[in-house]
């Protein structure tokens, strides 16, 4: 675990060094690649996340999806678990315990309806493994939806060759950066 923490800190430092302008430009490039993917275009119900800090910006992506007819869910933290609630308006989100925007009202979406999950992360390796903040929320949730396609969004500086993996880690199927789409072969 100490090695994961070292990698997490190193990549957070790199990501935090990006200027607002760089983050916005790279996020636009990531959006273009994500929205062009077959899995994304074919999905009817997509679970997304509200970006915090220097993460890949998702507000514009979610806003565009809301006007496209697709169902969009964002996570709500309850105890040690997350569940996703359908949203209809990005402006109706409130900061949670961790300062992450969450839906103001709960509109549960059946897990068997989820086609695609957009997964946040601090670090990804090319096999689809990820390091988040270490609380395990997403890994526990992803176990419940084994049939959903999983895509990680990251800046190229967040990609490493390999990261330590434990048995509870759930990899993503693809990673989209501003430079490429990585098929993780999962």
N, C-alpha and C. Protein backbone atom coordinates (compact mmCIF):
# COMPACT_ATOMS: atom_id res chain seq x y z
N UNK A 1 0.82 -1.21 0.00
CA UNK A 1 0.00 0.00 0.00
C UNK A 1 0.86 1.26 0.00
N UNK A 2 2.00 1.19 0.63
CA UNK A 2 2.88 2.36 0.66
C UNK A 2 3.29 2.77 -0.74
N UNK A 3 3.47 1.79 -1.62
CA UNK A 3 3.86 2.12 -3.00
C UNK A 3 2.72 2.85 -3.72
N UNK A 4 1.47 2.40 -3.50
CA UNK A 4 0.33 3.09 -4.10
C UNK A 4 0.26 4.54 -3.63
N UNK A 5 0.51 4.75 -2.36
CA UNK A 5 0.46 6.11 -1.81
C UNK A 5 1.54 6.99 -2.43
N UNK A 6 2.73 6.45 -2.65
CA UNK A 6 3.81 7.20 -3.29
C UNK A 6 3.42 7.61 -4.70
N UNK A 7 2.86 6.65 -5.45
CA UNK A 7 2.43 6.92 -6.83
C UNK A 7 1.32 7.97 -6.82
N UNK A 8 0.35 7.81 -5.92
CA UNK A 8 -0.78 8.75 -5.81
C UNK A 8 -0.26 10.17 -5.59
N UNK A 9 0.65 10.34 -4.64
CA UNK A 9 1.17 11.67 -4.33
C UNK A 9 1.94 12.27 -5.50
N UNK A 10 2.74 11.45 -6.17
CA UNK A 10 3.54 11.94 -7.31
C UNK A 10 2.63 12.43 -8.43
N UNK A 11 1.61 11.65 -8.75
CA UNK A 11 0.71 12.01 -9.86
C UNK A 11 -0.18 13.19 -9.47
N UNK A 12 -0.63 13.24 -8.23
CA UNK A 12 -1.43 14.40 -7.79
C UNK A 12 -0.62 15.69 -7.92
N UNK A 13 0.65 15.62 -7.60
CA UNK A 13 1.51 16.80 -7.72
C UNK A 13 1.60 17.24 -9.18
N UNK A 14 1.75 16.28 -10.09
CA UNK A 14 1.80 16.60 -11.53
C UNK A 14 0.47 17.19 -12.01
N UNK A 15 -0.64 16.54 -11.59
CA UNK A 15 -1.96 17.00 -12.02
C UNK A 15 -2.26 18.38 -11.46
N UNK A 16 -1.88 18.62 -10.21
CA UNK A 16 -2.14 19.91 -9.59
C UNK A 16 -1.32 21.02 -10.22
N UNK A 17 -0.23 20.67 -10.90
CA UNK A 17 0.62 21.67 -11.55
C UNK A 17 0.04 22.16 -12.89
N UNK A 18 -0.99 21.47 -13.39
CA UNK A 18 -1.62 21.91 -14.64
C UNK A 18 -2.33 23.24 -14.40
N UNK A 19 -2.19 24.16 -15.34
CA UNK A 19 -2.91 25.43 -15.22
C UNK A 19 -4.38 25.18 -15.56
N UNK A 20 -5.22 26.12 -15.16
CA UNK A 20 -6.64 26.02 -15.48
C UNK A 20 -6.84 25.92 -16.99
N UNK A 21 -6.09 26.72 -17.73
CA UNK A 21 -6.21 26.71 -19.20
C UNK A 21 -5.81 25.35 -19.77
N UNK A 22 -4.70 24.76 -19.28
CA UNK A 22 -4.27 23.44 -19.75
C UNK A 22 -5.34 22.38 -19.44
N UNK A 23 -5.86 22.43 -18.21
CA UNK A 23 -6.88 21.46 -17.80
C UNK A 23 -8.13 21.58 -18.68
N UNK A 24 -8.55 22.80 -18.95
CA UNK A 24 -9.73 23.00 -19.79
C UNK A 24 -9.50 22.50 -21.21
N UNK A 25 -8.34 22.81 -21.79
CA UNK A 25 -8.04 22.39 -23.16
C UNK A 25 -7.94 20.87 -23.25
N UNK A 26 -7.23 20.27 -22.33
CA UNK A 26 -7.08 18.81 -22.33
C UNK A 26 -8.43 18.13 -22.09
N UNK A 27 -9.26 18.70 -21.23
CA UNK A 27 -10.59 18.14 -20.96
C UNK A 27 -11.46 18.17 -22.21
N UNK A 28 -11.35 19.24 -23.01
CA UNK A 28 -12.10 19.31 -24.28
C UNK A 28 -11.65 18.20 -25.23
N UNK A 29 -10.34 17.98 -25.29
CA UNK A 29 -9.82 16.91 -26.16
C UNK A 29 -10.31 15.54 -25.68
N UNK A 30 -10.33 15.34 -24.38
CA UNK A 30 -10.82 14.08 -23.81
C UNK A 30 -12.30 13.90 -24.13
N UNK A 31 -13.07 14.97 -23.98
CA UNK A 31 -14.50 14.91 -24.29
C UNK A 31 -14.72 14.48 -25.74
N UNK A 32 -13.97 15.07 -26.66
CA UNK A 32 -14.12 14.72 -28.08
C UNK A 32 -13.86 13.24 -28.32
N UNK A 33 -12.82 12.70 -27.71
CA UNK A 33 -12.50 11.28 -27.88
C UNK A 33 -13.55 10.39 -27.22
N UNK A 34 -13.98 10.78 -26.01
CA UNK A 34 -14.99 9.99 -25.30
C UNK A 34 -16.30 9.94 -26.08
N UNK A 35 -16.78 11.11 -26.52
CA UNK A 35 -18.06 11.17 -27.20
C UNK A 35 -18.04 10.47 -28.56
N UNK A 36 -16.86 10.23 -29.11
CA UNK A 36 -16.74 9.53 -30.39
C UNK A 36 -16.72 8.01 -30.24
N UNK A 37 -16.51 7.51 -29.03
CA UNK A 37 -16.42 6.06 -28.82
C UNK A 37 -17.77 5.38 -29.06
N UNK A 38 -17.72 4.22 -29.70
CA UNK A 38 -18.94 3.44 -29.93
C UNK A 38 -19.67 3.15 -28.63
N UNK A 39 -18.94 2.72 -27.61
CA UNK A 39 -19.57 2.35 -26.33
C UNK A 39 -20.30 3.54 -25.71
N UNK A 40 -19.75 4.71 -25.92
CA UNK A 40 -20.38 5.92 -25.39
C UNK A 40 -21.63 6.28 -26.19
N UNK A 41 -21.49 6.28 -27.52
CA UNK A 41 -22.63 6.64 -28.38
C UNK A 41 -23.79 5.66 -28.21
N UNK A 42 -23.48 4.37 -28.00
CA UNK A 42 -24.51 3.34 -27.90
C UNK A 42 -25.19 3.31 -26.53
N UNK A 43 -24.55 3.85 -25.53
CA UNK A 43 -25.09 3.78 -24.16
C UNK A 43 -26.34 4.64 -24.00
N UNK A 44 -27.33 4.08 -23.33
CA UNK A 44 -28.56 4.82 -23.05
C UNK A 44 -28.55 5.38 -21.62
N UNK A 45 -27.92 4.64 -20.71
CA UNK A 45 -27.81 5.07 -19.32
C UNK A 45 -26.34 5.10 -18.92
N UNK A 46 -25.88 6.28 -18.53
CA UNK A 46 -24.47 6.48 -18.21
C UNK A 46 -24.33 7.02 -16.79
N UNK A 47 -23.50 6.36 -16.01
CA UNK A 47 -23.14 6.87 -14.70
C UNK A 47 -21.86 7.67 -14.87
N UNK A 48 -21.89 8.91 -14.43
CA UNK A 48 -20.77 9.83 -14.58
C UNK A 48 -20.29 10.23 -13.20
N UNK A 49 -19.39 11.20 -13.12
CA UNK A 49 -18.99 11.77 -11.83
C UNK A 49 -18.85 13.27 -12.00
N UNK A 50 -19.01 13.99 -10.90
CA UNK A 50 -18.81 15.44 -10.91
C UNK A 50 -17.35 15.70 -10.54
N UNK A 51 -16.61 16.31 -11.45
CA UNK A 51 -15.19 16.55 -11.22
C UNK A 51 -14.97 17.49 -10.04
N UNK A 52 -13.88 17.22 -9.33
CA UNK A 52 -13.49 18.05 -8.19
C UNK A 52 -12.04 18.46 -8.38
N UNK A 53 -11.74 19.69 -8.06
CA UNK A 53 -10.35 20.14 -8.12
C UNK A 53 -9.79 20.09 -9.53
N UNK A 54 -8.65 19.43 -9.69
CA UNK A 54 -7.97 19.39 -10.99
C UNK A 54 -8.23 18.11 -11.78
N UNK A 55 -9.38 17.46 -11.52
CA UNK A 55 -9.75 16.29 -12.32
C UNK A 55 -10.15 16.74 -13.72
N UNK A 56 -10.23 15.78 -14.63
CA UNK A 56 -10.76 16.04 -15.96
C UNK A 56 -12.14 16.68 -15.77
N UNK A 57 -12.37 17.81 -16.40
CA UNK A 57 -13.61 18.56 -16.24
C UNK A 57 -14.78 17.78 -16.85
N UNK A 58 -15.83 17.56 -16.06
CA UNK A 58 -16.97 16.77 -16.54
C UNK A 58 -18.28 17.55 -16.62
N UNK A 59 -18.32 18.75 -16.07
CA UNK A 59 -19.58 19.51 -16.03
C UNK A 59 -20.17 19.69 -17.43
N UNK A 60 -19.35 20.12 -18.38
CA UNK A 60 -19.84 20.32 -19.75
C UNK A 60 -20.29 19.02 -20.40
N UNK A 61 -19.57 17.94 -20.10
CA UNK A 61 -19.94 16.63 -20.66
C UNK A 61 -21.31 16.20 -20.15
N UNK A 62 -21.50 16.32 -18.83
CA UNK A 62 -22.77 15.93 -18.23
C UNK A 62 -23.89 16.82 -18.75
N UNK A 63 -23.62 18.12 -18.84
CA UNK A 63 -24.63 19.05 -19.36
C UNK A 63 -25.07 18.69 -20.76
N UNK A 64 -24.12 18.35 -21.61
CA UNK A 64 -24.45 17.96 -22.98
C UNK A 64 -25.26 16.67 -23.01
N UNK A 65 -24.89 15.73 -22.15
CA UNK A 65 -25.64 14.47 -22.09
C UNK A 65 -27.08 14.67 -21.64
N UNK A 66 -27.28 15.57 -20.69
CA UNK A 66 -28.62 15.82 -20.17
C UNK A 66 -29.56 16.31 -21.26
N UNK A 67 -29.02 17.01 -22.25
CA UNK A 67 -29.87 17.49 -23.34
C UNK A 67 -29.92 16.52 -24.52
N UNK A 68 -29.27 15.36 -24.37
CA UNK A 68 -29.21 14.40 -25.49
C UNK A 68 -30.25 13.29 -25.41
N UNK A 69 -30.97 13.21 -24.30
CA UNK A 69 -31.94 12.13 -24.16
C UNK A 69 -31.41 10.91 -23.43
N UNK A 70 -30.13 10.90 -23.12
CA UNK A 70 -29.57 9.78 -22.36
C UNK A 70 -29.88 9.99 -20.87
N UNK A 71 -29.98 8.88 -20.14
CA UNK A 71 -30.15 8.97 -18.69
C UNK A 71 -28.77 9.11 -18.07
N UNK A 72 -28.64 10.05 -17.15
CA UNK A 72 -27.35 10.31 -16.51
C UNK A 72 -27.52 10.18 -15.00
N UNK A 73 -26.60 9.43 -14.40
CA UNK A 73 -26.60 9.30 -12.94
C UNK A 73 -25.28 9.79 -12.39
N UNK A 74 -25.33 10.39 -11.20
CA UNK A 74 -24.13 10.80 -10.48
C UNK A 74 -24.14 10.14 -9.11
N UNK A 75 -22.94 9.92 -8.54
CA UNK A 75 -22.87 9.20 -7.27
C UNK A 75 -23.28 10.03 -6.05
N UNK A 76 -23.85 9.31 -5.09
CA UNK A 76 -24.14 9.83 -3.76
C UNK A 76 -23.44 8.90 -2.78
N UNK A 77 -22.69 9.46 -1.84
CA UNK A 77 -22.00 8.66 -0.83
C UNK A 77 -22.93 8.47 0.36
N UNK A 78 -23.07 7.20 0.76
CA UNK A 78 -23.85 6.86 1.97
C UNK A 78 -23.01 5.89 2.76
N UNK A 79 -22.45 6.36 3.87
CA UNK A 79 -21.59 5.50 4.68
C UNK A 79 -20.33 5.14 3.90
N UNK A 80 -20.13 3.84 3.69
CA UNK A 80 -18.95 3.37 2.96
C UNK A 80 -19.29 2.96 1.53
N UNK A 81 -20.48 3.31 1.08
CA UNK A 81 -20.94 2.91 -0.24
C UNK A 81 -21.32 4.13 -1.07
N UNK A 82 -21.33 3.94 -2.39
CA UNK A 82 -21.91 4.94 -3.27
C UNK A 82 -23.05 4.29 -4.03
N UNK A 83 -24.04 5.08 -4.35
CA UNK A 83 -25.05 4.65 -5.30
C UNK A 83 -25.30 5.83 -6.22
N UNK A 84 -25.89 5.56 -7.36
CA UNK A 84 -26.07 6.60 -8.36
C UNK A 84 -27.52 7.02 -8.44
N UNK A 85 -27.71 8.31 -8.57
CA UNK A 85 -29.04 8.89 -8.68
C UNK A 85 -29.14 9.61 -10.02
N UNK A 86 -30.26 9.45 -10.68
CA UNK A 86 -30.47 10.14 -11.95
C UNK A 86 -30.54 11.64 -11.70
N UNK A 87 -29.92 12.39 -12.59
CA UNK A 87 -30.02 13.85 -12.49
C UNK A 87 -30.69 14.40 -13.73
N UNK A 88 -31.31 15.54 -13.56
CA UNK A 88 -32.01 16.20 -14.65
C UNK A 88 -31.44 17.60 -14.90
N UNK A 89 -30.68 18.12 -13.91
CA UNK A 89 -30.17 19.48 -13.98
C UNK A 89 -28.87 19.54 -13.17
N UNK A 90 -27.76 19.87 -13.82
CA UNK A 90 -26.47 19.93 -13.14
C UNK A 90 -26.47 21.01 -12.05
N UNK A 91 -27.30 22.01 -12.21
CA UNK A 91 -27.40 23.09 -11.23
C UNK A 91 -28.03 22.67 -9.91
N UNK A 92 -28.61 21.49 -9.88
CA UNK A 92 -29.28 21.01 -8.66
C UNK A 92 -28.40 20.07 -7.85
N UNK A 93 -27.08 20.28 -7.92
CA UNK A 93 -26.15 19.45 -7.16
C UNK A 93 -25.67 20.23 -5.93
N UNK A 94 -25.40 19.49 -4.86
CA UNK A 94 -24.92 20.10 -3.62
C UNK A 94 -23.61 19.44 -3.19
N UNK A 95 -22.71 20.19 -2.52
CA UNK A 95 -21.46 19.58 -2.05
C UNK A 95 -21.72 18.53 -0.96
N UNK A 96 -21.02 17.41 -1.07
CA UNK A 96 -21.16 16.33 -0.09
C UNK A 96 -20.12 16.49 1.01
N UNK A 97 -20.04 15.48 1.85
CA UNK A 97 -19.06 15.44 2.93
C UNK A 97 -17.64 15.66 2.39
N UNK A 98 -17.32 15.06 1.25
CA UNK A 98 -15.98 15.16 0.69
C UNK A 98 -15.82 16.39 -0.22
N UNK A 99 -16.84 17.23 -0.28
CA UNK A 99 -16.78 18.41 -1.12
C UNK A 99 -17.09 18.14 -2.58
N UNK A 100 -17.52 16.92 -2.88
CA UNK A 100 -17.87 16.54 -4.25
C UNK A 100 -19.36 16.83 -4.46
N UNK A 101 -19.70 17.38 -5.62
CA UNK A 101 -21.10 17.67 -5.90
C UNK A 101 -21.89 16.38 -6.06
N UNK A 102 -23.05 16.35 -5.40
CA UNK A 102 -23.95 15.19 -5.45
C UNK A 102 -25.36 15.66 -5.80
N UNK A 103 -26.17 14.74 -6.34
CA UNK A 103 -27.57 15.10 -6.61
C UNK A 103 -28.28 15.54 -5.33
N UNK A 104 -29.07 16.60 -5.47
CA UNK A 104 -29.84 17.15 -4.34
C UNK A 104 -30.96 16.18 -3.94
N UNK A 105 -31.56 15.56 -4.94
CA UNK A 105 -32.66 14.63 -4.69
C UNK A 105 -32.26 13.25 -5.19
N UNK A 106 -32.82 12.22 -4.56
CA UNK A 106 -32.49 10.85 -4.97
C UNK A 106 -33.52 10.33 -5.97
N UNK A 107 -33.00 9.92 -7.13
CA UNK A 107 -33.81 9.29 -8.17
C UNK A 107 -33.05 8.03 -8.59
N UNK A 108 -33.23 6.94 -7.83
CA UNK A 108 -32.45 5.72 -8.10
C UNK A 108 -32.64 5.19 -9.52
N UNK A 109 -31.57 4.61 -10.05
CA UNK A 109 -31.59 3.97 -11.36
C UNK A 109 -31.25 2.51 -11.14
N UNK A 110 -32.05 1.63 -11.70
CA UNK A 110 -31.80 0.20 -11.57
C UNK A 110 -30.43 -0.16 -12.17
N UNK A 111 -29.64 -0.91 -11.44
CA UNK A 111 -28.29 -1.24 -11.90
C UNK A 111 -28.28 -2.07 -13.18
N UNK A 112 -29.35 -2.83 -13.43
CA UNK A 112 -29.37 -3.62 -14.67
C UNK A 112 -29.63 -2.76 -15.90
N UNK A 113 -29.89 -1.48 -15.71
CA UNK A 113 -30.10 -0.56 -16.83
C UNK A 113 -28.83 0.20 -17.22
N UNK A 114 -27.78 0.07 -16.43
CA UNK A 114 -26.55 0.84 -16.65
C UNK A 114 -25.73 0.23 -17.78
N UNK A 115 -25.46 1.05 -18.79
CA UNK A 115 -24.65 0.59 -19.93
C UNK A 115 -23.18 0.95 -19.75
N UNK A 116 -22.93 2.12 -19.16
CA UNK A 116 -21.59 2.67 -19.13
C UNK A 116 -21.35 3.43 -17.82
N UNK A 117 -20.15 3.23 -17.27
CA UNK A 117 -19.76 3.96 -16.06
C UNK A 117 -18.47 4.70 -16.36
N UNK A 118 -18.50 6.01 -16.17
CA UNK A 118 -17.31 6.84 -16.33
C UNK A 118 -16.66 6.91 -14.94
N UNK A 119 -15.44 6.42 -14.85
CA UNK A 119 -14.79 6.21 -13.56
C UNK A 119 -13.66 7.23 -13.35
N UNK A 120 -13.68 7.92 -12.21
CA UNK A 120 -12.58 8.83 -11.92
C UNK A 120 -11.38 8.07 -11.38
N UNK A 121 -10.23 8.71 -11.37
CA UNK A 121 -9.04 8.10 -10.79
C UNK A 121 -7.92 9.10 -10.75
N UNK A 122 -6.98 8.86 -9.88
CA UNK A 122 -5.79 9.71 -9.80
C UNK A 122 -4.72 9.17 -10.73
N UNK A 123 -4.60 7.84 -10.77
CA UNK A 123 -3.59 7.17 -11.59
C UNK A 123 -4.25 5.97 -12.27
N UNK A 124 -3.91 5.75 -13.53
CA UNK A 124 -4.34 4.55 -14.26
C UNK A 124 -3.11 3.92 -14.87
N UNK A 125 -3.11 2.58 -14.96
CA UNK A 125 -2.06 1.95 -15.76
C UNK A 125 -2.69 1.42 -17.04
N UNK A 126 -1.86 1.00 -17.97
CA UNK A 126 -2.38 0.64 -19.29
C UNK A 126 -3.19 -0.66 -19.29
N UNK A 127 -3.19 -1.38 -18.16
CA UNK A 127 -4.04 -2.56 -18.02
C UNK A 127 -5.42 -2.20 -17.47
N UNK A 128 -5.64 -0.91 -17.15
CA UNK A 128 -6.93 -0.47 -16.65
C UNK A 128 -7.03 -0.40 -15.14
N UNK A 129 -5.96 -0.76 -14.44
CA UNK A 129 -5.98 -0.64 -12.98
C UNK A 129 -5.92 0.83 -12.61
N UNK A 130 -6.46 1.16 -11.45
CA UNK A 130 -6.52 2.58 -11.07
C UNK A 130 -6.21 2.76 -9.59
N UNK A 131 -5.77 3.96 -9.29
CA UNK A 131 -5.61 4.37 -7.90
C UNK A 131 -6.49 5.60 -7.73
N UNK A 132 -7.40 5.51 -6.75
CA UNK A 132 -8.24 6.66 -6.42
C UNK A 132 -7.71 7.26 -5.13
N UNK A 133 -8.63 7.68 -4.28
CA UNK A 133 -8.22 8.25 -2.99
C UNK A 133 -8.08 7.20 -1.90
N UNK A 134 -8.26 5.94 -2.27
CA UNK A 134 -7.98 4.86 -1.33
C UNK A 134 -9.12 4.44 -0.42
N UNK A 135 -10.31 4.94 -0.68
CA UNK A 135 -11.43 4.57 0.19
C UNK A 135 -12.22 3.37 -0.36
N UNK A 136 -11.99 3.00 -1.61
CA UNK A 136 -12.62 1.81 -2.18
C UNK A 136 -14.06 1.95 -2.63
N UNK A 137 -14.60 3.17 -2.63
CA UNK A 137 -16.01 3.36 -3.02
C UNK A 137 -16.31 2.78 -4.40
N UNK A 138 -15.51 3.14 -5.39
CA UNK A 138 -15.78 2.70 -6.76
C UNK A 138 -15.56 1.20 -6.92
N UNK A 139 -14.51 0.64 -6.33
CA UNK A 139 -14.28 -0.80 -6.46
C UNK A 139 -15.45 -1.59 -5.89
N UNK A 140 -15.96 -1.16 -4.73
CA UNK A 140 -17.12 -1.87 -4.14
C UNK A 140 -18.34 -1.73 -5.05
N UNK A 141 -18.55 -0.53 -5.60
CA UNK A 141 -19.70 -0.33 -6.48
C UNK A 141 -19.57 -1.12 -7.78
N UNK A 142 -18.39 -1.08 -8.40
CA UNK A 142 -18.21 -1.73 -9.70
C UNK A 142 -18.43 -3.24 -9.64
N UNK A 143 -18.22 -3.83 -8.48
CA UNK A 143 -18.50 -5.27 -8.30
C UNK A 143 -19.98 -5.58 -8.51
N UNK A 144 -20.84 -4.60 -8.25
CA UNK A 144 -22.29 -4.78 -8.35
C UNK A 144 -22.80 -4.69 -9.79
N UNK A 145 -21.97 -4.18 -10.70
CA UNK A 145 -22.40 -3.99 -12.09
C UNK A 145 -21.37 -4.58 -13.05
N UNK A 146 -21.14 -5.90 -12.96
CA UNK A 146 -20.08 -6.50 -13.78
C UNK A 146 -20.32 -6.39 -15.29
N UNK A 147 -21.56 -6.22 -15.71
CA UNK A 147 -21.86 -6.15 -17.14
C UNK A 147 -21.70 -4.77 -17.75
N UNK A 148 -21.55 -3.73 -16.92
CA UNK A 148 -21.43 -2.37 -17.44
C UNK A 148 -20.02 -2.13 -17.97
N UNK A 149 -19.92 -1.39 -19.07
CA UNK A 149 -18.63 -1.03 -19.63
C UNK A 149 -18.06 0.11 -18.80
N UNK A 150 -16.77 0.09 -18.52
CA UNK A 150 -16.15 1.07 -17.64
C UNK A 150 -15.05 1.83 -18.38
N UNK A 151 -15.15 3.17 -18.34
CA UNK A 151 -14.16 4.02 -18.99
C UNK A 151 -13.60 5.00 -17.96
N UNK A 152 -12.27 5.04 -17.87
CA UNK A 152 -11.60 6.01 -17.01
C UNK A 152 -11.23 7.24 -17.81
N UNK A 153 -11.36 8.40 -17.18
CA UNK A 153 -10.94 9.65 -17.81
C UNK A 153 -9.71 10.15 -17.07
N UNK A 154 -8.66 10.51 -17.83
CA UNK A 154 -7.42 10.96 -17.19
C UNK A 154 -6.62 11.82 -18.16
N UNK A 155 -5.80 12.67 -17.59
CA UNK A 155 -4.82 13.38 -18.40
C UNK A 155 -3.67 12.41 -18.64
N UNK A 156 -2.98 12.59 -19.74
CA UNK A 156 -1.88 11.68 -20.09
C UNK A 156 -0.86 11.56 -18.96
N UNK A 157 -0.63 12.62 -18.20
CA UNK A 157 0.33 12.56 -17.09
C UNK A 157 -0.12 11.63 -15.96
N UNK A 158 -1.36 11.18 -16.00
CA UNK A 158 -1.88 10.28 -14.98
C UNK A 158 -1.74 8.80 -15.36
N UNK A 159 -1.16 8.53 -16.53
CA UNK A 159 -1.00 7.16 -17.00
C UNK A 159 0.41 6.67 -16.68
N UNK A 160 0.48 5.50 -16.06
CA UNK A 160 1.77 4.87 -15.78
C UNK A 160 1.75 3.46 -16.38
N UNK A 161 2.92 2.86 -16.49
CA UNK A 161 3.02 1.52 -17.10
C UNK A 161 2.28 0.47 -16.27
N UNK A 162 2.53 0.48 -14.97
CA UNK A 162 1.88 -0.51 -14.11
C UNK A 162 1.78 0.02 -12.68
N UNK A 163 0.71 -0.38 -11.99
CA UNK A 163 0.56 -0.03 -10.58
C UNK A 163 0.27 -1.30 -9.78
N UNK A 164 0.59 -1.29 -8.49
CA UNK A 164 0.30 -2.47 -7.67
C UNK A 164 -1.21 -2.72 -7.64
N UNK A 165 -1.59 -3.97 -7.69
CA UNK A 165 -3.02 -4.32 -7.73
C UNK A 165 -3.32 -5.30 -6.60
N UNK A 166 -4.49 -5.14 -5.98
CA UNK A 166 -4.95 -6.10 -4.98
C UNK A 166 -6.23 -6.74 -5.48
N UNK A 167 -6.65 -7.81 -4.85
CA UNK A 167 -7.77 -8.62 -5.35
C UNK A 167 -9.09 -7.86 -5.42
N UNK A 168 -9.27 -6.81 -4.64
CA UNK A 168 -10.54 -6.07 -4.67
C UNK A 168 -10.57 -4.96 -5.71
N UNK A 169 -9.45 -4.72 -6.39
CA UNK A 169 -9.41 -3.68 -7.42
C UNK A 169 -10.16 -4.13 -8.67
N UNK A 170 -10.98 -3.25 -9.21
CA UNK A 170 -11.74 -3.53 -10.44
C UNK A 170 -11.18 -2.62 -11.54
N UNK A 171 -10.60 -3.20 -12.60
CA UNK A 171 -10.04 -2.36 -13.68
C UNK A 171 -11.13 -1.80 -14.60
N UNK A 172 -10.76 -0.75 -15.32
CA UNK A 172 -11.65 -0.20 -16.35
C UNK A 172 -11.34 -0.88 -17.68
N UNK A 173 -12.28 -0.77 -18.62
CA UNK A 173 -12.12 -1.40 -19.93
C UNK A 173 -11.32 -0.52 -20.89
N UNK A 174 -11.50 0.79 -20.77
CA UNK A 174 -10.79 1.74 -21.62
C UNK A 174 -10.44 2.96 -20.78
N UNK A 175 -9.40 3.67 -21.22
CA UNK A 175 -9.02 4.94 -20.61
C UNK A 175 -8.93 5.96 -21.73
N UNK A 176 -9.52 7.13 -21.51
CA UNK A 176 -9.46 8.20 -22.50
C UNK A 176 -8.61 9.33 -21.93
N UNK A 177 -7.57 9.70 -22.67
CA UNK A 177 -6.73 10.86 -22.31
C UNK A 177 -6.85 11.86 -23.45
N UNK A 178 -6.18 12.99 -23.30
CA UNK A 178 -6.20 13.99 -24.37
C UNK A 178 -5.43 13.52 -25.60
N UNK A 179 -4.57 12.49 -25.44
CA UNK A 179 -3.74 12.03 -26.56
C UNK A 179 -4.20 10.73 -27.19
N UNK A 180 -4.92 9.90 -26.43
CA UNK A 180 -5.24 8.57 -26.94
C UNK A 180 -6.39 7.91 -26.19
N UNK A 181 -6.87 6.83 -26.80
CA UNK A 181 -7.81 5.94 -26.13
C UNK A 181 -7.06 4.63 -25.91
N UNK A 182 -6.98 4.22 -24.66
CA UNK A 182 -6.25 3.00 -24.32
C UNK A 182 -7.27 1.87 -24.13
N UNK A 183 -7.16 0.83 -24.95
CA UNK A 183 -8.00 -0.35 -24.80
C UNK A 183 -7.25 -1.26 -23.83
N UNK A 184 -7.83 -1.43 -22.66
CA UNK A 184 -7.13 -2.15 -21.59
C UNK A 184 -7.18 -3.65 -21.73
N UNK A 185 -7.89 -4.15 -22.72
CA UNK A 185 -7.92 -5.59 -23.00
C UNK A 185 -8.55 -6.43 -21.92
N UNK A 186 -9.42 -5.81 -21.14
CA UNK A 186 -10.07 -6.54 -20.05
C UNK A 186 -11.23 -7.35 -20.60
